[in-house]
Amino acid sequence: MPDGYSARLAALDAAAGRLRGAADGLGKAPSPPEPPPLGVATAAVADLVARLGKQTGIAVGGLGAASDAVAKSRKTYRASDVFARERLPRPR
Protein backbone atom coordinates (compact mmCIF):
# COMPACT_ATOMS: atom_id res chain seq x y z
CA MET A 1 0.00 0.00 0.00
CA PRO A 2 1.63 3.27 -1.04
CA ASP A 3 2.27 5.76 1.75
CA GLY A 4 0.87 3.39 4.33
CA TYR A 5 1.70 0.20 6.10
CA SER A 6 1.55 -3.40 5.15
CA ALA A 7 1.89 -6.63 7.03
CA ARG A 8 2.27 -10.09 5.62
CA LEU A 9 -0.23 -12.05 7.66
CA ALA A 10 1.45 -15.35 6.87
CA ALA A 11 4.74 -13.99 8.21
CA LEU A 12 3.03 -12.93 11.43
CA ASP A 13 1.43 -16.37 11.72
CA ALA A 14 4.83 -18.00 11.21
CA ALA A 15 6.51 -15.75 13.78
CA ALA A 16 3.82 -16.41 16.37
CA GLY A 17 4.06 -20.14 15.70
CA ARG A 18 7.83 -20.20 16.08
CA LEU A 19 7.67 -18.24 19.32
CA ARG A 20 4.95 -20.57 20.67
CA GLY A 21 6.96 -23.61 19.60
CA ALA A 22 10.05 -22.28 21.36
CA ALA A 23 8.05 -21.61 24.53
CA ASP A 24 6.46 -25.06 24.43
CA GLY A 25 9.76 -26.80 23.73
CA LEU A 26 11.60 -24.96 26.47
CA GLY A 27 8.72 -25.54 28.86
CA LYS A 28 8.95 -29.29 28.29
CA ALA A 29 12.65 -29.42 29.13
CA PRO A 30 13.26 -31.81 31.99
CA SER A 31 14.22 -30.49 35.37
CA PRO A 32 17.92 -30.71 36.03
CA PRO A 33 19.16 -33.42 38.37
CA GLU A 34 20.36 -32.63 41.84
CA PRO A 35 23.94 -31.45 41.75
CA PRO A 36 26.47 -34.02 42.86
CA PRO A 37 28.29 -33.52 46.13
CA LEU A 38 31.10 -31.14 45.32
CA GLY A 39 32.29 -30.21 48.75
CA VAL A 40 32.41 -26.47 49.26
CA ALA A 41 31.11 -25.85 45.69
CA THR A 42 27.90 -27.88 46.17
CA ALA A 43 25.87 -24.93 47.45
CA ALA A 44 27.13 -22.64 44.69
CA VAL A 45 26.31 -25.18 41.97
CA ALA A 46 22.87 -25.82 43.49
CA ASP A 47 22.22 -22.07 43.54
CA LEU A 48 23.34 -21.74 39.92
CA VAL A 49 21.07 -24.60 38.82
CA ALA A 50 18.13 -23.09 40.71
CA ARG A 51 18.73 -19.70 39.09
CA LEU A 52 18.92 -21.27 35.65
CA GLY A 53 15.65 -23.05 36.29
CA LYS A 54 13.99 -19.80 37.35
CA GLN A 55 15.33 -17.96 34.30
CA THR A 56 14.10 -20.76 32.05
CA GLY A 57 10.61 -20.28 33.47
CA ILE A 58 10.85 -16.56 32.83
CA ALA A 59 11.99 -17.20 29.26
CA VAL A 60 9.05 -19.56 28.68
CA GLY A 61 6.66 -16.89 29.90
CA GLY A 62 8.30 -14.22 27.76
CA LEU A 63 8.26 -16.34 24.63
CA GLY A 64 4.61 -17.20 25.21
CA ALA A 65 3.72 -13.54 25.76
CA ALA A 66 5.61 -12.54 22.61
CA SER A 67 3.75 -15.20 20.64
CA ASP A 68 0.42 -13.94 21.97
CA ALA A 69 1.33 -10.34 21.11
CA VAL A 70 2.30 -11.23 17.54
CA ALA A 71 -0.91 -13.23 17.10
CA LYS A 72 -2.94 -10.32 18.47
CA SER A 73 -1.20 -7.87 16.13
CA ARG A 74 -1.98 -10.17 13.21
CA LYS A 75 -5.68 -10.07 14.12
CA THR A 76 -5.53 -6.29 14.44
CA TYR A 77 -3.88 -5.87 11.04
CA ARG A 78 -6.44 -8.19 9.48
CA ALA A 79 -9.37 -6.39 11.10
CA SER A 80 -7.97 -3.03 9.96
CA ASP A 81 -7.65 -4.28 6.40
CA VAL A 82 -11.21 -5.62 6.39
CA PHE A 83 -12.54 -2.39 7.89
CA ALA A 84 -10.70 -0.27 5.34
CA ARG A 85 -11.85 -2.42 2.44
CA GLU A 86 -15.48 -2.64 3.52
CA ARG A 87 -16.18 0.68 5.21
CA LEU A 88 -13.89 3.41 3.98
CA PRO A 89 -14.71 5.29 0.80
CA ARG A 90 -12.55 4.50 -2.18
CA PRO A 91 -10.67 7.31 -3.87
CA ARG A 92 -12.13 8.39 -7.19
PDB file of N, CA and C in Angstrom:
ATOM      1  N   MET A   1       0.848  -1.159   0.000  1.00  0.00           N
ATOM      2  CA  MET A   1       0.000   0.000   0.000  1.00  0.00           C
ATOM      3  C   MET A   1       0.899   1.229   0.000  1.00  0.00           C
ATOM      4  N   PRO A   2       0.779   2.082  -0.994  1.00  0.00           N
ATOM      5  CA  PRO A   2       1.630   3.267  -1.039  1.00  0.00           C
ATOM      6  C   PRO A   2       1.338   4.210   0.123  1.00  0.00           C
ATOM      7  N   ASP A   3       2.386   4.780   0.653  1.00  0.00           N
ATOM      8  CA  ASP A   3       2.267   5.762   1.751  1.00  0.00           C
ATOM      9  C   ASP A   3       1.480   5.223   2.935  1.00  0.00           C
ATOM     10  N   GLY A   4       1.588   3.977   3.209  1.00  0.00           N
ATOM     11  CA  GLY A   4       0.871   3.389   4.330  1.00  0.00           C
ATOM     12  C   GLY A   4       1.697   2.280   4.953  1.00  0.00           C
ATOM     13  N   TYR A   5       1.035   1.332   5.478  1.00  0.00           N
ATOM     14  CA  TYR A   5       1.701   0.198   6.101  1.00  0.00           C
ATOM     15  C   TYR A   5       1.244  -1.072   5.408  1.00  0.00           C
ATOM     16  N   SER A   6       1.990  -2.096   5.619  1.00  0.00           N
ATOM     17  CA  SER A   6       1.550  -3.405   5.152  1.00  0.00           C
ATOM     18  C   SER A   6       2.125  -4.450   6.090  1.00  0.00           C
ATOM     19  N   ALA A   7       1.435  -5.519   6.195  1.00  0.00           N
ATOM     20  CA  ALA A   7       1.890  -6.629   7.029  1.00  0.00           C
ATOM     21  C   ALA A   7       1.556  -7.915   6.292  1.00  0.00           C
ATOM     22  N   ARG A   8       2.526  -8.776   6.210  1.00  0.00           N
ATOM     23  CA  ARG A   8       2.268 -10.089   5.619  1.00  0.00           C
ATOM     24  C   ARG A   8       1.704 -10.972   6.730  1.00  0.00           C
ATOM     25  N   LEU A   9       0.444 -11.290   6.617  1.00  0.00           N
ATOM     26  CA  LEU A   9      -0.234 -12.054   7.665  1.00  0.00           C
ATOM     27  C   LEU A   9       0.393 -13.426   7.843  1.00  0.00           C
ATOM     28  N   ALA A  10       0.814 -14.033   6.764  1.00  0.00           N
ATOM     29  CA  ALA A  10       1.450 -15.354   6.869  1.00  0.00           C
ATOM     30  C   ALA A  10       2.761 -15.261   7.648  1.00  0.00           C
ATOM     31  N   ALA A  11       3.493 -14.165   7.466  1.00  0.00           N
ATOM     32  CA  ALA A  11       4.743 -13.986   8.208  1.00  0.00           C
ATOM     33  C   ALA A  11       4.461 -13.801   9.699  1.00  0.00           C
ATOM     34  N   LEU A  12       3.399 -13.089  10.018  1.00  0.00           N
ATOM     35  CA  LEU A  12       3.030 -12.927  11.429  1.00  0.00           C
ATOM     36  C   LEU A  12       2.581 -14.261  12.029  1.00  0.00           C
ATOM     37  N   ASP A  13       1.828 -15.035  11.258  1.00  0.00           N
ATOM     38  CA  ASP A  13       1.434 -16.373  11.721  1.00  0.00           C
ATOM     39  C   ASP A  13       2.666 -17.235  11.993  1.00  0.00           C
ATOM     40  N   ALA A  14       3.616 -17.189  11.063  1.00  0.00           N
ATOM     41  CA  ALA A  14       4.830 -17.998  11.213  1.00  0.00           C
ATOM     42  C   ALA A  14       5.635 -17.559  12.431  1.00  0.00           C
ATOM     43  N   ALA A  15       5.760 -16.258  12.632  1.00  0.00           N
ATOM     44  CA  ALA A  15       6.514 -15.754  13.784  1.00  0.00           C
ATOM     45  C   ALA A  15       5.843 -16.165  15.094  1.00  0.00           C
ATOM     46  N   ALA A  16       4.533 -16.015  15.157  1.00  0.00           N
ATOM     47  CA  ALA A  16       3.815 -16.412  16.373  1.00  0.00           C
ATOM     48  C   ALA A  16       3.971 -17.910  16.620  1.00  0.00           C
ATOM     49  N   GLY A  17       3.912 -18.692  15.564  1.00  0.00           N
ATOM     50  CA  GLY A  17       4.065 -20.139  15.703  1.00  0.00           C
ATOM     51  C   GLY A  17       5.456 -20.539  16.173  1.00  0.00           C
ATOM     52  N   ARG A  18       6.459 -19.879  15.660  1.00  0.00           N
ATOM     53  CA  ARG A  18       7.834 -20.199  16.078  1.00  0.00           C
ATOM     54  C   ARG A  18       8.053 -19.816  17.538  1.00  0.00           C
ATOM     55  N   LEU A  19       7.543 -18.654  17.923  1.00  0.00           N
ATOM     56  CA  LEU A  19       7.671 -18.245  19.322  1.00  0.00           C
ATOM     57  C   LEU A  19       6.935 -19.218  20.244  1.00  0.00           C
ATOM     58  N   ARG A  20       5.731 -19.621  19.851  1.00  0.00           N
ATOM     59  CA  ARG A  20       4.952 -20.566  20.667  1.00  0.00           C
ATOM     60  C   ARG A  20       5.673 -21.906  20.734  1.00  0.00           C
ATOM     61  N   GLY A  21       6.224 -22.350  19.614  1.00  0.00           N
ATOM     62  CA  GLY A  21       6.962 -23.609  19.601  1.00  0.00           C
ATOM     63  C   GLY A  21       8.184 -23.560  20.503  1.00  0.00           C
ATOM     64  N   ALA A  22       8.881 -22.426  20.488  1.00  0.00           N
ATOM     65  CA  ALA A  22      10.047 -22.279  21.363  1.00  0.00           C
ATOM     66  C   ALA A  22       9.626 -22.307  22.827  1.00  0.00           C
ATOM     67  N   ALA A  23       8.542 -21.613  23.140  1.00  0.00           N
ATOM     68  CA  ALA A  23       8.047 -21.609  24.528  1.00  0.00           C
ATOM     69  C   ALA A  23       7.640 -23.015  24.955  1.00  0.00           C
ATOM     70  N   ASP A  24       6.909 -23.704  24.094  1.00  0.00           N
ATOM     71  CA  ASP A  24       6.458 -25.057  24.433  1.00  0.00           C
ATOM     72  C   ASP A  24       7.641 -26.013  24.583  1.00  0.00           C
ATOM     73  N   GLY A  25       8.592 -25.920  23.667  1.00  0.00           N
ATOM     74  CA  GLY A  25       9.756 -26.802  23.735  1.00  0.00           C
ATOM     75  C   GLY A  25      10.590 -26.557  24.976  1.00  0.00           C
ATOM     76  N   LEU A  26      10.823 -25.300  25.284  1.00  0.00           N
ATOM     77  CA  LEU A  26      11.599 -24.961  26.468  1.00  0.00           C
ATOM     78  C   LEU A  26      10.844 -25.345  27.736  1.00  0.00           C
ATOM     79  N   GLY A  27       9.528 -25.182  27.698  1.00  0.00           N
ATOM     80  CA  GLY A  27       8.716 -25.540  28.856  1.00  0.00           C
ATOM     81  C   GLY A  27       8.685 -27.036  29.133  1.00  0.00           C
ATOM     82  N   LYS A  28       8.947 -27.828  28.121  1.00  0.00           N
ATOM     83  CA  LYS A  28       8.953 -29.292  28.288  1.00  0.00           C
ATOM     84  C   LYS A  28      10.330 -29.841  28.661  1.00  0.00           C
ATOM     85  N   ALA A  29      11.301 -28.956  28.764  1.00  0.00           N
ATOM     86  CA  ALA A  29      12.647 -29.419  29.131  1.00  0.00           C
ATOM     87  C   ALA A  29      12.595 -30.055  30.507  1.00  0.00           C
ATOM     88  N   PRO A  30      13.284 -31.156  30.680  1.00  0.00           N
ATOM     89  CA  PRO A  30      13.256 -31.810  31.991  1.00  0.00           C
ATOM     90  C   PRO A  30      13.961 -30.966  33.048  1.00  0.00           C
ATOM     91  N   SER A  31      13.545 -31.164  34.262  1.00  0.00           N
ATOM     92  CA  SER A  31      14.216 -30.487  35.373  1.00  0.00           C
ATOM     93  C   SER A  31      15.626 -31.053  35.510  1.00  0.00           C
ATOM     94  N   PRO A  32      16.551 -30.202  35.879  1.00  0.00           N
ATOM     95  CA  PRO A  32      17.922 -30.709  36.031  1.00  0.00           C
ATOM     96  C   PRO A  32      18.025 -31.628  37.246  1.00  0.00           C
ATOM     97  N   PRO A  33      18.974 -32.537  37.206  1.00  0.00           N
ATOM     98  CA  PRO A  33      19.160 -33.419  38.365  1.00  0.00           C
ATOM     99  C   PRO A  33      19.769 -32.634  39.532  1.00  0.00           C
ATOM    100  N   GLU A  34      19.696 -33.227  40.676  1.00  0.00           N
ATOM    101  CA  GLU A  34      20.357 -32.628  41.837  1.00  0.00           C
ATOM    102  C   GLU A  34      21.856 -32.580  41.576  1.00  0.00           C
ATOM    103  N   PRO A  35      22.499 -31.498  41.972  1.00  0.00           N
ATOM    104  CA  PRO A  35      23.941 -31.447  41.748  1.00  0.00           C
ATOM    105  C   PRO A  35      24.652 -32.495  42.606  1.00  0.00           C
ATOM    106  N   PRO A  36      25.717 -33.026  42.085  1.00  0.00           N
ATOM    107  CA  PRO A  36      26.470 -34.020  42.860  1.00  0.00           C
ATOM    108  C   PRO A  36      27.183 -33.344  44.037  1.00  0.00           C
ATOM    109  N   PRO A  37      27.547 -34.115  45.024  1.00  0.00           N
ATOM    110  CA  PRO A  37      28.292 -33.522  46.126  1.00  0.00           C
ATOM    111  C   PRO A  37      29.647 -33.023  45.633  1.00  0.00           C
ATOM    112  N   LEU A  38      29.872 -31.753  45.820  1.00  0.00           N
ATOM    113  CA  LEU A  38      31.102 -31.139  45.323  1.00  0.00           C
ATOM    114  C   LEU A  38      31.862 -30.428  46.438  1.00  0.00           C
ATOM    115  N   GLY A  39      31.611 -30.853  47.628  1.00  0.00           N
ATOM    116  CA  GLY A  39      32.293 -30.210  48.752  1.00  0.00           C
ATOM    117  C   GLY A  39      31.819 -28.777  48.919  1.00  0.00           C
ATOM    118  N   VAL A  40      32.769 -27.865  49.020  1.00  0.00           N
ATOM    119  CA  VAL A  40      32.412 -26.468  49.262  1.00  0.00           C
ATOM    120  C   VAL A  40      31.678 -25.841  48.076  1.00  0.00           C
ATOM    121  N   ALA A  41      31.780 -26.403  46.877  1.00  0.00           N
ATOM    122  CA  ALA A  41      31.113 -25.848  45.695  1.00  0.00           C
ATOM    123  C   ALA A  41      29.679 -26.340  45.536  1.00  0.00           C
ATOM    124  N   THR A  42      29.243 -27.315  46.331  1.00  0.00           N
ATOM    125  CA  THR A  42      27.904 -27.884  46.174  1.00  0.00           C
ATOM    126  C   THR A  42      26.824 -26.815  46.274  1.00  0.00           C
ATOM    127  N   ALA A  43      26.897 -25.973  47.267  1.00  0.00           N
ATOM    128  CA  ALA A  43      25.874 -24.933  47.454  1.00  0.00           C
ATOM    129  C   ALA A  43      25.875 -23.949  46.287  1.00  0.00           C
ATOM    130  N   ALA A  44      27.053 -23.588  45.809  1.00  0.00           N
ATOM    131  CA  ALA A  44      27.132 -22.640  44.693  1.00  0.00           C
ATOM    132  C   ALA A  44      26.548 -23.247  43.416  1.00  0.00           C
ATOM    133  N   VAL A  45      26.847 -24.511  43.154  1.00  0.00           N
ATOM    134  CA  VAL A  45      26.314 -25.180  41.968  1.00  0.00           C
ATOM    135  C   VAL A  45      24.798 -25.337  42.089  1.00  0.00           C
ATOM    136  N   ALA A  46      24.318 -25.694  43.280  1.00  0.00           N
ATOM    137  CA  ALA A  46      22.873 -25.825  43.491  1.00  0.00           C
ATOM    138  C   ALA A  46      22.180 -24.483  43.261  1.00  0.00           C
ATOM    139  N   ASP A  47      22.790 -23.401  43.740  1.00  0.00           N
ATOM    140  CA  ASP A  47      22.219 -22.070  43.538  1.00  0.00           C
ATOM    141  C   ASP A  47      22.199 -21.717  42.055  1.00  0.00           C
ATOM    142  N   LEU A  48      23.268 -22.015  41.355  1.00  0.00           N
ATOM    143  CA  LEU A  48      23.335 -21.741  39.924  1.00  0.00           C
ATOM    144  C   LEU A  48      22.244 -22.512  39.171  1.00  0.00           C
ATOM    145  N   VAL A  49      22.084 -23.774  39.484  1.00  0.00           N
ATOM    146  CA  VAL A  49      21.071 -24.599  38.822  1.00  0.00           C
ATOM    147  C   VAL A  49      19.675 -24.052  39.126  1.00  0.00           C
ATOM    148  N   ALA A  50      19.433 -23.647  40.348  1.00  0.00           N
ATOM    149  CA  ALA A  50      18.133 -23.086  40.710  1.00  0.00           C
ATOM    150  C   ALA A  50      17.867 -21.789  39.941  1.00  0.00           C
ATOM    151  N   ARG A  51      18.887 -20.953  39.835  1.00  0.00           N
ATOM    152  CA  ARG A  51      18.728 -19.697  39.094  1.00  0.00           C
ATOM    153  C   ARG A  51      18.467 -19.956  37.614  1.00  0.00           C
ATOM    154  N   LEU A  52      19.166 -20.927  37.057  1.00  0.00           N
ATOM    155  CA  LEU A  52      18.924 -21.269  35.653  1.00  0.00           C
ATOM    156  C   LEU A  52      17.498 -21.774  35.447  1.00  0.00           C
ATOM    157  N   GLY A  53      17.026 -22.572  36.377  1.00  0.00           N
ATOM    158  CA  GLY A  53      15.647 -23.053  36.290  1.00  0.00           C
ATOM    159  C   GLY A  53      14.647 -21.911  36.343  1.00  0.00           C
ATOM    160  N   LYS A  54      14.885 -20.958  37.233  1.00  0.00           N
ATOM    161  CA  LYS A  54      13.991 -19.804  37.349  1.00  0.00           C
ATOM    162  C   LYS A  54      14.019 -18.978  36.065  1.00  0.00           C
ATOM    163  N   GLN A  55      15.212 -18.740  35.527  1.00  0.00           N
ATOM    164  CA  GLN A  55      15.330 -17.960  34.300  1.00  0.00           C
ATOM    165  C   GLN A  55      14.694 -18.684  33.109  1.00  0.00           C
ATOM    166  N   THR A  56      14.755 -19.996  33.114  1.00  0.00           N
ATOM    167  CA  THR A  56      14.095 -20.760  32.052  1.00  0.00           C
ATOM    168  C   THR A  56      12.596 -20.531  32.111  1.00  0.00           C
ATOM    169  N   GLY A  57      12.044 -20.554  33.310  1.00  0.00           N
ATOM    170  CA  GLY A  57      10.609 -20.276  33.466  1.00  0.00           C
ATOM    171  C   GLY A  57      10.243 -18.884  32.987  1.00  0.00           C
ATOM    172  N   ILE A  58      11.097 -17.930  33.296  1.00  0.00           N
ATOM    173  CA  ILE A  58      10.851 -16.556  32.834  1.00  0.00           C
ATOM    174  C   ILE A  58      10.909 -16.488  31.310  1.00  0.00           C
ATOM    175  N   ALA A  59      11.868 -17.181  30.721  1.00  0.00           N
ATOM    176  CA  ALA A  59      11.987 -17.199  29.265  1.00  0.00           C
ATOM    177  C   ALA A  59      10.759 -17.832  28.618  1.00  0.00           C
ATOM    178  N   VAL A  60      10.261 -18.911  29.202  1.00  0.00           N
ATOM    179  CA  VAL A  60       9.054 -19.562  28.676  1.00  0.00           C
ATOM    180  C   VAL A  60       7.892 -18.579  28.694  1.00  0.00           C
ATOM    181  N   GLY A  61       7.738 -17.870  29.810  1.00  0.00           N
ATOM    182  CA  GLY A  61       6.664 -16.885  29.896  1.00  0.00           C
ATOM    183  C   GLY A  61       6.829 -15.762  28.893  1.00  0.00           C
ATOM    184  N   GLY A  62       8.054 -15.286  28.719  1.00  0.00           N
ATOM    185  CA  GLY A  62       8.300 -14.215  27.762  1.00  0.00           C
ATOM    186  C   GLY A  62       8.057 -14.638  26.327  1.00  0.00           C
ATOM    187  N   LEU A  63       8.499 -15.835  25.981  1.00  0.00           N
ATOM    188  CA  LEU A  63       8.260 -16.340  24.630  1.00  0.00           C
ATOM    189  C   LEU A  63       6.768 -16.528  24.366  1.00  0.00           C
ATOM    190  N   GLY A  64       6.056 -17.035  25.357  1.00  0.00           N
ATOM    191  CA  GLY A  64       4.607 -17.200  25.207  1.00  0.00           C
ATOM    192  C   GLY A  64       3.901 -15.859  25.051  1.00  0.00           C
ATOM    193  N   ALA A  65       4.316 -14.874  25.847  1.00  0.00           N
ATOM    194  CA  ALA A  65       3.718 -13.538  25.756  1.00  0.00           C
ATOM    195  C   ALA A  65       4.028 -12.896  24.402  1.00  0.00           C
ATOM    196  N   ALA A  66       5.249 -13.090  23.919  1.00  0.00           N
ATOM    197  CA  ALA A  66       5.609 -12.544  22.610  1.00  0.00           C
ATOM    198  C   ALA A  66       4.769 -13.197  21.510  1.00  0.00           C
ATOM    199  N   SER A  67       4.575 -14.502  21.613  1.00  0.00           N
ATOM    200  CA  SER A  67       3.746 -15.203  20.639  1.00  0.00           C
ATOM    201  C   SER A  67       2.324 -14.666  20.657  1.00  0.00           C
ATOM    202  N   ASP A  68       1.775 -14.483  21.843  1.00  0.00           N
ATOM    203  CA  ASP A  68       0.416 -13.938  21.973  1.00  0.00           C
ATOM    204  C   ASP A  68       0.318 -12.535  21.385  1.00  0.00           C
ATOM    205  N   ALA A  69       1.341 -11.708  21.624  1.00  0.00           N
ATOM    206  CA  ALA A  69       1.333 -10.338  21.113  1.00  0.00           C
ATOM    207  C   ALA A  69       1.402 -10.311  19.591  1.00  0.00           C
ATOM    208  N   VAL A  70       2.215 -11.178  19.006  1.00  0.00           N
ATOM    209  CA  VAL A  70       2.302 -11.231  17.543  1.00  0.00           C
ATOM    210  C   VAL A  70       0.977 -11.721  16.963  1.00  0.00           C
ATOM    211  N   ALA A  71       0.382 -12.729  17.574  1.00  0.00           N
ATOM    212  CA  ALA A  71      -0.910 -13.234  17.101  1.00  0.00           C
ATOM    213  C   ALA A  71      -1.988 -12.153  17.214  1.00  0.00           C
ATOM    214  N   LYS A  72      -1.958 -11.399  18.291  1.00  0.00           N
ATOM    215  CA  LYS A  72      -2.935 -10.317  18.466  1.00  0.00           C
ATOM    216  C   LYS A  72      -2.725  -9.231  17.414  1.00  0.00           C
ATOM    217  N   SER A  73      -1.467  -8.895  17.144  1.00  0.00           N
ATOM    218  CA  SER A  73      -1.204  -7.866  16.130  1.00  0.00           C
ATOM    219  C   SER A  73      -1.660  -8.337  14.758  1.00  0.00           C
ATOM    220  N   ARG A  74      -1.519  -9.623  14.484  1.00  0.00           N
ATOM    221  CA  ARG A  74      -1.985 -10.170  13.208  1.00  0.00           C
ATOM    222  C   ARG A  74      -3.488  -9.977  13.073  1.00  0.00           C
ATOM    223  N   LYS A  75      -4.226 -10.262  14.154  1.00  0.00           N
ATOM    224  CA  LYS A  75      -5.682 -10.075  14.124  1.00  0.00           C
ATOM    225  C   LYS A  75      -6.041  -8.604  13.934  1.00  0.00           C
ATOM    226  N   THR A  76      -5.275  -7.722  14.572  1.00  0.00           N
ATOM    227  CA  THR A  76      -5.529  -6.291  14.442  1.00  0.00           C
ATOM    228  C   THR A  76      -5.274  -5.816  13.016  1.00  0.00           C
ATOM    229  N   TYR A  77      -4.154  -6.238  12.424  1.00  0.00           N
ATOM    230  CA  TYR A  77      -3.877  -5.874  11.035  1.00  0.00           C
ATOM    231  C   TYR A  77      -4.987  -6.379  10.118  1.00  0.00           C
ATOM    232  N   ARG A  78      -5.392  -7.607  10.323  1.00  0.00           N
ATOM    233  CA  ARG A  78      -6.436  -8.192   9.476  1.00  0.00           C
ATOM    234  C   ARG A  78      -7.737  -7.428   9.633  1.00  0.00           C
ATOM    235  N   ALA A  79      -8.124  -7.127  10.861  1.00  0.00           N
ATOM    236  CA  ALA A  79      -9.371  -6.388  11.105  1.00  0.00           C
ATOM    237  C   ALA A  79      -9.295  -4.989  10.481  1.00  0.00           C
ATOM    238  N   SER A  80      -8.137  -4.357  10.560  1.00  0.00           N
ATOM    239  CA  SER A  80      -7.975  -3.028   9.962  1.00  0.00           C
ATOM    240  C   SER A  80      -8.108  -3.099   8.448  1.00  0.00           C
ATOM    241  N   ASP A  81      -7.537  -4.110   7.847  1.00  0.00           N
ATOM    242  CA  ASP A  81      -7.652  -4.275   6.401  1.00  0.00           C
ATOM    243  C   ASP A  81      -9.101  -4.493   5.984  1.00  0.00           C
ATOM    244  N   VAL A  82      -9.807  -5.351   6.713  1.00  0.00           N
ATOM    245  CA  VAL A  82     -11.212  -5.619   6.394  1.00  0.00           C
ATOM    246  C   VAL A  82     -12.033  -4.348   6.559  1.00  0.00           C
ATOM    247  N   PHE A  83     -11.810  -3.628   7.656  1.00  0.00           N
ATOM    248  CA  PHE A  83     -12.536  -2.389   7.894  1.00  0.00           C
ATOM    249  C   PHE A  83     -12.287  -1.404   6.756  1.00  0.00           C
ATOM    250  N   ALA A  84     -11.029  -1.226   6.393  1.00  0.00           N
ATOM    251  CA  ALA A  84     -10.697  -0.274   5.337  1.00  0.00           C
ATOM    252  C   ALA A  84     -11.339  -0.674   4.016  1.00  0.00           C
ATOM    253  N   ARG A  85     -11.292  -1.948   3.710  1.00  0.00           N
ATOM    254  CA  ARG A  85     -11.853  -2.425   2.439  1.00  0.00           C
ATOM    255  C   ARG A  85     -13.377  -2.297   2.412  1.00  0.00           C
ATOM    256  N   GLU A  86     -14.027  -2.592   3.533  1.00  0.00           N
ATOM    257  CA  GLU A  86     -15.482  -2.644   3.524  1.00  0.00           C
ATOM    258  C   GLU A  86     -16.151  -1.330   3.911  1.00  0.00           C
ATOM    259  N   ARG A  87     -15.490  -0.487   4.655  1.00  0.00           N
ATOM    260  CA  ARG A  87     -16.183   0.683   5.206  1.00  0.00           C
ATOM    261  C   ARG A  87     -15.662   2.046   4.763  1.00  0.00           C
ATOM    262  N   LEU A  88     -14.437   2.117   4.358  1.00  0.00           N
ATOM    263  CA  LEU A  88     -13.890   3.415   3.979  1.00  0.00           C
ATOM    264  C   LEU A  88     -14.193   3.705   2.521  1.00  0.00           C
ATOM    265  N   PRO A  89     -14.441   4.965   2.201  1.00  0.00           N
ATOM    266  CA  PRO A  89     -14.708   5.295   0.800  1.00  0.00           C
ATOM    267  C   PRO A  89     -13.451   5.100  -0.044  1.00  0.00           C
ATOM    268  N   ARG A  90     -13.674   4.699  -1.261  1.00  0.00           N
ATOM    269  CA  ARG A  90     -12.554   4.504  -2.179  1.00  0.00           C
ATOM    270  C   ARG A  90     -12.274   5.827  -2.901  1.00  0.00           C
ATOM    271  N   PRO A  91     -10.994   6.084  -3.129  1.00  0.00           N
ATOM    272  CA  PRO A  91     -10.673   7.305  -3.873  1.00  0.00           C
ATOM    273  C   PRO A  91     -11.211   7.225  -5.303  1.00  0.00           C
ATOM    274  N   ARG A  92     -11.594   8.368  -5.827  1.00  0.00           N
ATOM    275  CA  ARG A  92     -12.128   8.391  -7.194  1.00  0.00           C
ATOM    276  C   ARG A  92     -11.106   8.890  -8.150  1.00  0.00           C
TER     277      ARG A  92
END
